[in-house]
């Protein structure tokens, strides 16, 4: 693997080296090692991690040129290690396989010119470890190491010289359209989003399991013992414990059910109120109907009294008149006898009529809607004279009021 990074061949002196025009110098670079890093690459090297305790590392790509006694190291791209093992700085075969796969895919014509690492602790506390990684994987005098100390907030390039990693006094930043690097960053960001989502889901599941276990530990002893008695057969944890999402879902369902029951209860109350109002309306209607019938009976009573008066007026004796003539006395007597005879005939007729109709005596009649005592008297006796007798015979009030369904005894 080391032979792929460093093949032992030093860059050939090229004389004049073409340098970028749009550059910016950082620090004072008096060394014969001139480091030029592209601006977008430097931005990615200084990018923060999602978690403060995480490390970032990977390889630097570009080319090395020599001219006029100087070594020019151009850092044009970087490839980040995505599958970090236990948050440790490791370059094994699997890591290198992934790195070379991305180099071939995105930066086929570039060479490895060094590596980078970003750590959440002081770089000076672990320089020996970083030095060992550098020598084991990036041997050669022209390989650089970009160290980012997030604790001290320092970023610097280092080169292995005279048996140690020496901090460089400065470097240059240049600007150009780096489409390959942008394409690579976009690709790994999409991949990280998927990985982070999976890790977040896994982390949430573990957190829920811990919370469920804590709930079980805080469960009263007697309740836990009763549960153990009821559940003698061992049940896997995945079947016996519900996730908090399921619990929340069930609570929402219970809330919906309770709201539905409440709605049914309110609907039932409204229906009962509607029924009661309907009953009250029907009762009021019945009372209004009784009042209407009473008024009708009252009108019938007045009509019956008027008929009785007419009938009684027909039986009144005629007033006799005296005439001044010679036979005046015998004429008056004759008139008197005529009145008496007529009166006797009327009484005989009434008696005969009552006797004829007395065949209904002892029977009864059930009052129909709208009927009055006058109607009953006319129906059974053919005269209205029996109205008062029927009233007295059945102990009916003086207002002659009868109701539908009432049983009337016929005298």
Protein backbone atom coordinates (compact mmCIF):
# COMPACT_ATOMS: atom_id res chain seq x y z
CA UNK A 1 0.00 0.00 0.00
CA UNK A 2 2.86 2.40 0.80
CA UNK A 3 4.37 1.78 -2.62
CA UNK A 4 1.18 3.17 -4.18
CA UNK A 5 1.64 6.43 -2.23
CA UNK A 6 5.35 6.79 -2.53
CA UNK A 7 7.25 5.02 -5.28
CA UNK A 8 10.66 6.45 -4.37
CA UNK A 9 10.90 8.72 -7.42
CA UNK A 10 11.59 12.39 -6.79
CA UNK A 11 10.10 15.08 -9.08
CA UNK A 12 12.39 16.12 -11.92
CA UNK A 13 13.72 19.69 -12.04
CA UNK A 14 11.56 21.53 -14.53
CA UNK A 15 13.21 24.93 -14.53
CA UNK A 16 10.38 27.43 -14.87
CA UNK A 17 7.22 26.44 -12.92
CA UNK A 18 4.00 28.12 -13.94
CA UNK A 19 2.31 29.51 -10.83
CA UNK A 20 -1.32 30.56 -10.39
CA UNK A 21 -1.96 34.26 -10.94
CA UNK A 22 -4.73 34.86 -8.39
CA UNK A 23 -3.07 33.95 -5.09
CA UNK A 24 -3.06 35.02 -1.45
CA UNK A 25 -0.18 34.42 0.96
CA UNK A 26 -0.72 33.12 4.49
CA UNK A 27 2.22 33.68 6.85
CA UNK A 28 5.86 34.20 5.83
CA UNK A 29 7.02 31.38 3.57
CA UNK A 30 10.82 31.63 3.30
CA UNK A 31 11.24 27.86 2.97
CA UNK A 32 12.15 26.19 -0.31
CA UNK A 33 8.99 24.12 0.12
CA UNK A 34 6.20 26.15 -1.46
CA UNK A 35 2.66 24.90 -0.71
CA UNK A 36 -0.21 26.08 -2.90
CA UNK A 37 -3.70 24.99 -1.85
CA UNK A 38 -6.86 25.68 -3.86
CA UNK A 39 -9.39 27.81 -1.93
CA UNK A 40 -12.35 25.44 -2.19
CA UNK A 41 -10.19 22.52 -1.02
CA UNK A 42 -9.02 24.55 1.99
CA UNK A 43 -12.62 25.34 2.85
CA UNK A 44 -13.42 21.62 2.93
CA UNK A 45 -10.31 20.89 5.03
CA UNK A 46 -11.49 23.35 7.70
CA UNK A 47 -15.06 22.09 7.67
CA UNK A 48 -16.43 21.26 11.13
CA UNK A 49 -17.64 17.81 12.10
CA UNK A 50 -21.23 17.05 12.99
CA UNK A 51 -20.22 16.00 16.51
CA UNK A 52 -17.51 17.80 18.45
CA UNK A 53 -15.80 14.58 19.52
CA UNK A 54 -15.50 13.15 15.99
CA UNK A 55 -12.29 13.17 13.94
CA UNK A 56 -11.90 13.78 10.19
CA UNK A 57 -9.09 12.60 8.01
CA UNK A 58 -8.27 11.71 4.42
CA UNK A 59 -5.72 12.22 1.64
CA UNK A 60 -4.59 15.31 -0.32
CA UNK A 61 -4.34 15.16 -4.13
CA UNK A 62 -2.48 17.28 -6.64
CA UNK A 63 1.01 17.40 -8.09
CA UNK A 64 4.59 18.23 -7.09
CA UNK A 65 6.91 20.32 -9.28
CA UNK A 66 10.50 21.49 -8.87
CA UNK A 67 12.15 24.54 -10.32
CA UNK A 68 14.86 27.04 -9.48
CA UNK A 69 15.81 25.15 -6.34
CA UNK A 70 12.27 25.12 -4.90
CA UNK A 71 9.72 22.36 -4.49
CA UNK A 72 6.16 23.41 -5.38
CA UNK A 73 3.39 21.29 -3.86
CA UNK A 74 -0.02 21.99 -5.40
CA UNK A 75 -2.98 20.70 -3.35
CA UNK A 76 -5.87 20.56 -5.85
CA UNK A 77 -8.28 18.12 -4.20
CA UNK A 78 -8.92 15.93 -1.18
CA UNK A 79 -10.64 12.59 -0.53
CA UNK A 80 -12.17 12.08 2.90
CA UNK A 81 -12.31 8.75 4.72
CA UNK A 82 -16.02 8.11 5.25
CA UNK A 83 -16.01 4.76 7.07
CA UNK A 84 -14.08 5.80 10.18
CA UNK A 85 -13.44 2.88 12.53
CA UNK A 86 -14.31 3.61 16.18
CA UNK A 87 -13.39 7.29 15.74
CA UNK A 88 -9.73 6.31 15.31
CA UNK A 89 -7.04 7.42 12.88
CA UNK A 90 -6.52 4.22 10.88
CA UNK A 91 -5.34 3.52 7.32
CA UNK A 92 -5.93 -0.17 6.63
CA UNK A 93 -6.59 -2.06 3.41
CA UNK A 94 -10.34 -1.39 3.48
CA UNK A 95 -9.80 2.33 4.07
CA UNK A 96 -7.26 2.55 1.22
CA UNK A 97 -9.57 0.60 -1.07
CA UNK A 98 -12.32 3.18 -0.56
CA UNK A 99 -9.89 6.09 -1.00
CA UNK A 100 -8.48 4.77 -4.29
CA UNK A 101 -11.96 4.02 -5.56
CA UNK A 102 -12.95 7.70 -5.13
CA UNK A 103 -9.65 8.89 -6.61
CA UNK A 104 -10.23 6.82 -9.72
CA UNK A 105 -13.84 8.00 -9.97
CA UNK A 106 -13.34 11.73 -9.46
CA UNK A 107 -9.61 12.59 -9.70
CA UNK A 108 -8.12 10.02 -12.05
CA UNK A 109 -5.06 12.04 -13.16
CA UNK A 110 -4.05 13.39 -9.74
CA UNK A 111 -1.42 12.03 -7.35
CA UNK A 112 -1.40 11.77 -3.59
CA UNK A 113 0.63 14.68 -2.17
CA UNK A 114 -0.13 14.17 1.51
CA UNK A 115 -2.95 13.82 3.99
CA UNK A 116 -5.05 15.81 6.45
CA UNK A 117 -6.53 15.26 9.89
CA UNK A 118 -8.90 17.28 12.10
CA UNK A 119 -8.98 16.34 15.80
CA UNK A 120 -11.00 17.60 18.81
CA UNK A 121 -7.91 17.70 21.05
CA UNK A 122 -4.52 19.44 21.10
CA UNK A 123 -2.35 18.25 18.23
CA UNK A 124 0.79 18.67 20.34
CA UNK A 125 -0.50 16.00 22.74
CA UNK A 126 -0.44 13.35 20.00
CA UNK A 127 2.33 14.38 17.63
CA UNK A 128 4.06 11.00 18.02
CA UNK A 129 0.95 9.14 16.88
CA UNK A 130 0.43 11.52 13.96
CA UNK A 131 4.09 11.19 13.02
CA UNK A 132 3.80 7.39 13.00
CA UNK A 133 0.72 7.51 10.71
CA UNK A 134 2.60 9.88 8.39
CA UNK A 135 5.68 7.68 8.13
CA UNK A 136 3.71 4.47 7.75
CA UNK A 137 1.47 5.75 4.98
CA UNK A 138 2.96 8.91 3.43
CA UNK A 139 6.72 8.43 3.31
CA UNK A 140 8.77 10.88 1.27
CA UNK A 141 10.20 14.36 1.64
CA UNK A 142 7.52 16.06 -0.40
CA UNK A 143 4.43 14.74 1.37
CA UNK A 144 2.56 17.32 3.42
CA UNK A 145 0.22 16.96 6.40
CA UNK A 146 -2.53 19.48 7.11
CA UNK A 147 -3.30 19.41 10.84
CA UNK A 148 -6.44 21.07 12.23
CA UNK A 149 -6.48 21.53 16.01
CA UNK A 150 -10.10 22.32 16.91
CA UNK A 151 -9.24 22.87 20.58
CA UNK A 152 -6.65 25.58 19.89
CA UNK A 153 -8.41 26.57 16.65
CA UNK A 154 -5.20 26.32 14.64
CA UNK A 155 -4.69 25.04 11.08
CA UNK A 156 -1.20 24.45 9.66
CA UNK A 157 0.73 22.49 7.07
CA UNK A 158 3.52 20.17 8.27
CA UNK A 159 6.36 18.49 6.32
CA UNK A 160 8.58 15.68 7.57
CA UNK A 161 12.11 17.05 7.88
CA UNK A 162 15.13 16.02 9.97
CA UNK A 163 13.28 13.23 11.78
CA UNK A 164 10.13 15.18 12.77
CA UNK A 165 7.05 16.86 11.37
CA UNK A 166 7.98 20.49 10.99
CA UNK A 167 5.38 23.24 10.94
CA UNK A 168 5.63 25.36 7.79
CA UNK A 169 5.85 29.14 8.28
CA UNK A 170 3.28 29.85 5.60
CA UNK A 171 1.48 28.78 2.42
CA UNK A 172 -0.41 30.19 -0.54
CA UNK A 173 -4.08 30.08 -1.44
CA UNK A 174 -5.05 30.23 -5.11
CA UNK A 175 -8.42 30.43 -6.82
CA UNK A 176 -9.75 28.51 -9.82
CA UNK A 177 -12.85 26.70 -11.00
CA UNK A 178 -12.59 23.36 -9.26
CA UNK A 179 -15.51 21.48 -10.83
CA UNK A 180 -14.13 18.04 -10.00
CA UNK A 181 -13.87 18.90 -6.32
CA UNK A 182 -17.35 20.37 -6.23
CA UNK A 183 -18.79 17.26 -7.86
CA UNK A 184 -17.04 15.05 -5.32
CA UNK A 185 -18.21 17.12 -2.32
CA UNK A 186 -21.79 17.02 -3.57
CA UNK A 187 -21.60 13.25 -3.89
CA UNK A 188 -20.21 12.62 -0.40
CA UNK A 189 -22.70 15.05 1.18
CA UNK A 190 -25.56 13.04 -0.30
CA UNK A 191 -23.97 9.85 0.98
CA UNK A 192 -23.43 11.34 4.43
CA UNK A 193 -27.05 12.43 4.60
CA UNK A 194 -28.16 8.83 4.09
CA UNK A 195 -25.61 7.52 6.59
CA UNK A 196 -26.44 10.18 9.17
CA UNK A 197 -30.14 9.44 8.81
CA UNK A 198 -29.57 5.73 9.39
CA UNK A 199 -27.29 6.44 12.37
CA UNK A 200 -29.80 8.88 13.82
CA UNK A 201 -32.57 6.31 13.53
CA UNK A 202 -30.38 3.71 15.21
CA UNK A 203 -29.42 6.16 17.95
CA UNK A 204 -33.07 7.05 18.60
CA UNK A 205 -33.97 3.36 18.80
CA UNK A 206 -31.21 2.79 21.38
CA UNK A 207 -32.36 5.82 23.35
CA UNK A 208 -35.94 4.54 23.39
CA UNK A 209 -34.73 1.12 24.56
CA UNK A 210 -32.81 2.77 27.41
CA UNK A 211 -35.85 4.80 28.42
CA UNK A 212 -38.04 1.71 28.38
CA UNK A 213 -35.50 -0.15 30.51
CA UNK A 214 -35.44 2.75 32.98
CA UNK A 215 -39.21 2.68 33.18
CA UNK A 216 -39.09 -1.04 33.90
CA UNK A 217 -36.46 -0.50 36.62
CA UNK A 218 -38.62 2.16 38.27
CA UNK A 219 -41.68 -0.09 38.22
CA UNK A 220 -42.94 -0.96 41.74
CA UNK A 221 -41.69 -4.30 43.06
CA UNK A 222 -45.13 -5.73 43.77
CA UNK A 223 -46.35 -4.83 40.28
CA UNK A 224 -43.26 -6.37 38.73
CA UNK A 225 -43.76 -9.57 40.74
CA UNK A 226 -47.43 -9.77 39.73
CA UNK A 227 -46.43 -9.32 36.10
CA UNK A 228 -43.86 -12.09 36.46
CA UNK A 229 -46.51 -14.41 37.89
CA UNK A 230 -48.89 -13.67 35.06
CA UNK A 231 -46.18 -14.03 32.43
CA UNK A 232 -44.36 -17.20 33.44
CA UNK A 233 -43.17 -17.93 29.93
CA UNK A 234 -40.20 -15.74 28.84
CA UNK A 235 -41.11 -13.23 26.19
CA UNK A 236 -38.51 -11.49 23.99
CA UNK A 237 -37.99 -7.82 24.81
CA UNK A 238 -38.86 -6.77 21.32
CA UNK A 239 -42.38 -8.24 21.76
CA UNK A 240 -43.03 -7.09 25.32
CA UNK A 241 -41.85 -3.51 25.10
CA UNK A 242 -43.45 -0.97 22.86
CA UNK A 243 -41.53 1.94 21.43
CA UNK A 244 -42.45 5.41 22.55
CA UNK A 245 -43.67 6.15 19.05
CA UNK A 246 -46.19 3.30 19.35
CA UNK A 247 -47.21 4.50 22.82
CA UNK A 248 -47.68 8.04 21.52
CA UNK A 249 -49.66 6.68 18.58
CA UNK A 250 -51.92 4.68 20.91
CA UNK A 251 -52.43 7.75 23.10
CA UNK A 252 -53.46 9.75 20.05
CA UNK A 253 -55.87 6.98 19.07
CA UNK A 254 -57.30 6.93 22.62
CA UNK A 255 -57.75 10.69 22.44
CA UNK A 256 -59.63 10.36 19.15
CA UNK A 257 -61.82 7.61 20.65
CA UNK A 258 -62.57 9.72 23.73
CA UNK A 259 -63.44 12.67 21.54
CA UNK A 260 -65.71 10.42 19.47
CA UNK A 261 -67.46 9.16 22.62
CA UNK A 262 -67.88 12.73 23.82
CA UNK A 263 -69.38 13.68 20.47
CA UNK A 264 -71.79 10.74 20.70
CA UNK A 265 -72.75 11.82 24.23
CA UNK A 266 -73.43 15.39 23.15
CA UNK A 267 -75.45 14.11 20.19
CA UNK A 268 -77.50 11.92 22.52
CA UNK A 269 -78.23 14.88 24.81
CA UNK A 270 -79.32 16.98 21.85
CA UNK A 271 -81.61 14.19 20.62
CA UNK A 272 -83.20 13.85 24.09
CA UNK A 273 -83.70 17.63 24.26
CA UNK A 274 -85.33 17.54 20.83
CA UNK A 275 -87.67 14.74 21.90
CA UNK A 276 -88.63 16.61 25.08
CA UNK A 277 -89.36 19.76 23.11
CA UNK A 278 -91.48 17.71 20.71
CA UNK A 279 -93.46 16.23 23.64
CA UNK A 280 -94.01 19.70 25.08
CA UNK A 281 -95.21 20.93 21.70
CA UNK A 282 -97.60 17.97 21.40
CA UNK A 283 -98.94 18.65 24.90
CA UNK A 284 -99.45 22.29 24.04
CA UNK A 285 -101.19 21.23 20.85
CA UNK A 286 -103.48 18.96 22.89
CA UNK A 287 -104.31 21.81 25.25
CA UNK A 288 -104.99 24.12 22.34
CA UNK A 289 -107.26 21.46 20.82
CA UNK A 290 -109.19 21.13 24.12
CA UNK A 291 -109.60 24.91 24.29
CA UNK A 292 -110.83 24.94 20.70
CA UNK A 293 -113.31 22.13 21.49
CA UNK A 294 -114.51 23.96 24.61
CA UNK A 295 -115.13 27.10 22.60
CA UNK A 296 -116.93 25.00 19.99
CA UNK A 297 -119.08 23.39 22.70
CA UNK A 298 -119.79 26.83 24.13
CA UNK A 299 -121.00 28.01 20.73
CA UNK A 300 -123.08 24.85 20.41
CA UNK A 301 -124.57 25.58 23.84
CA UNK A 302 -125.57 29.07 22.77
CA UNK A 303 -127.11 27.64 19.61
CA UNK A 304 -129.01 25.02 21.64
CA UNK A 305 -130.36 27.66 24.02
CA UNK A 306 -131.46 29.76 21.06
CA UNK A 307 -133.29 26.78 19.55
CA UNK A 308 -134.94 26.04 22.90
CA UNK A 309 -136.14 29.62 23.13
CA UNK A 310 -137.61 29.40 19.64
CA UNK A 311 -139.37 26.13 20.45
CA UNK A 312 -140.71 27.50 23.74
CA UNK A 313 -142.00 30.61 22.04
CA UNK A 314 -144.12 28.44 19.74
CA UNK A 315 -146.11 27.05 22.73
CA UNK A 316 -146.98 30.48 24.24
CA UNK A 317 -150.87 31.05 24.43
CA UNK A 318 -152.26 33.53 22.03
CA UNK A 319 -153.44 36.78 23.45
CA UNK A 320 -157.20 37.06 23.35
CA UNK A 321 -158.90 40.16 22.32
CA UNK A 322 -162.28 41.41 23.44
CA UNK A 323 -164.54 42.70 20.83
CA UNK A 324 -167.25 45.13 21.56
CA UNK A 325 -170.31 43.47 20.23
CA UNK A 326 -173.32 41.80 21.47
CA UNK A 327 -171.74 38.30 21.58
CA UNK A 328 -168.50 39.44 23.18
CA UNK A 329 -168.51 37.11 26.20
CA UNK A 330 -169.23 33.93 24.32
CA UNK A 331 -166.50 34.86 21.80
CA UNK A 332 -163.88 35.28 24.52
CA UNK A 333 -164.81 31.99 26.08
CA UNK A 334 -164.54 30.36 22.76
CA UNK A 335 -161.07 31.75 22.30
CA UNK A 336 -160.08 30.51 25.77
CA UNK A 337 -161.38 27.05 25.01
CA UNK A 338 -159.42 27.08 21.76
CA UNK A 339 -156.17 28.02 23.56
CA UNK A 340 -156.71 25.41 26.24
CA UNK A 341 -157.47 22.81 23.60
CA UNK A 342 -154.35 23.70 21.64
CA UNK A 343 -152.21 23.62 24.78
CA UNK A 344 -153.53 20.19 25.68
CA UNK A 345 -152.86 18.98 22.19
CA UNK A 346 -149.25 20.27 22.39
CA UNK A 347 -148.70 18.60 25.76
CA UNK A 348 -150.13 15.42 24.35
CA UNK A 349 -147.83 15.63 21.37
CA UNK A 350 -144.74 16.21 23.58
CA UNK A 351 -145.69 13.36 25.85
CA UNK A 352 -146.22 11.10 22.90
CA UNK A 353 -142.91 12.18 21.40
CA UNK A 354 -141.03 11.55 24.69
CA UNK A 355 -142.65 8.20 25.09
CA UNK A 356 -141.75 7.26 21.52
CA UNK A 357 -138.13 8.11 22.03
CA UNK A 358 -137.86 6.71 25.58
CA UNK A 359 -136.88 3.38 24.04
CA UNK A 360 -133.21 4.59 24.28
CA UNK A 361 -133.49 4.98 28.06
CA UNK A 362 -130.77 3.11 29.90
CA UNK A 363 -128.49 2.97 26.91
CA UNK A 364 -125.26 4.91 26.47
CA UNK A 365 -123.51 6.92 23.79
CA UNK A 366 -119.74 7.47 23.30
CA UNK A 367 -118.96 11.07 22.39
CA UNK A 368 -117.27 11.54 19.04
CA UNK A 369 -115.06 14.41 17.97
CA UNK A 370 -116.98 17.70 17.73
CA UNK A 371 -120.25 16.32 19.18
CA UNK A 372 -122.37 18.30 21.69
CA UNK A 373 -125.31 17.50 23.95
CA UNK A 374 -127.54 19.13 21.35
CA UNK A 375 -126.28 16.66 18.71
CA UNK A 376 -126.94 13.71 21.02
CA UNK A 377 -130.42 14.93 21.95
CA UNK A 378 -131.36 15.46 18.32
CA UNK A 379 -129.92 12.07 17.32
CA UNK A 380 -131.78 9.94 19.86
CA UNK A 381 -134.86 12.03 20.73
CA UNK A 382 -135.36 14.14 17.63
CA UNK A 383 -135.67 17.25 19.79
CA UNK A 384 -133.38 19.56 21.74
CA UNK A 385 -135.59 19.51 24.84
CA UNK A 386 -133.63 16.56 26.26
CA UNK A 387 -130.34 18.54 26.42
CA UNK A 388 -130.81 19.71 30.00
CA UNK A 389 -132.13 16.32 31.10
CA UNK A 390 -129.13 14.54 29.55
CA UNK A 391 -126.80 17.09 31.30
CA UNK A 392 -128.41 16.52 34.70
CA UNK A 393 -128.64 12.76 34.21
CA UNK A 394 -124.86 12.56 33.61
CA UNK A 395 -123.86 15.27 36.16
CA UNK A 396 -122.35 17.46 33.42
CA UNK A 397 -121.18 20.98 34.35
CA UNK A 398 -123.28 23.99 33.60
CA UNK A 399 -121.04 24.86 30.66
CA UNK A 400 -122.36 21.71 28.87
CA UNK A 401 -118.81 20.60 28.13
CA UNK A 402 -118.25 17.04 26.94
CA UNK A 403 -115.08 15.48 25.51
CA UNK A 404 -114.31 12.94 22.84
CA UNK A 405 -114.58 9.38 24.14
CA UNK A 406 -116.79 10.31 27.08
CA UNK A 407 -119.61 7.83 27.84
CA UNK A 408 -123.07 9.49 28.03
CA UNK A 409 -125.99 7.62 29.63
CA UNK A 410 -129.31 8.26 27.88
CA UNK A 411 -132.25 9.06 30.23
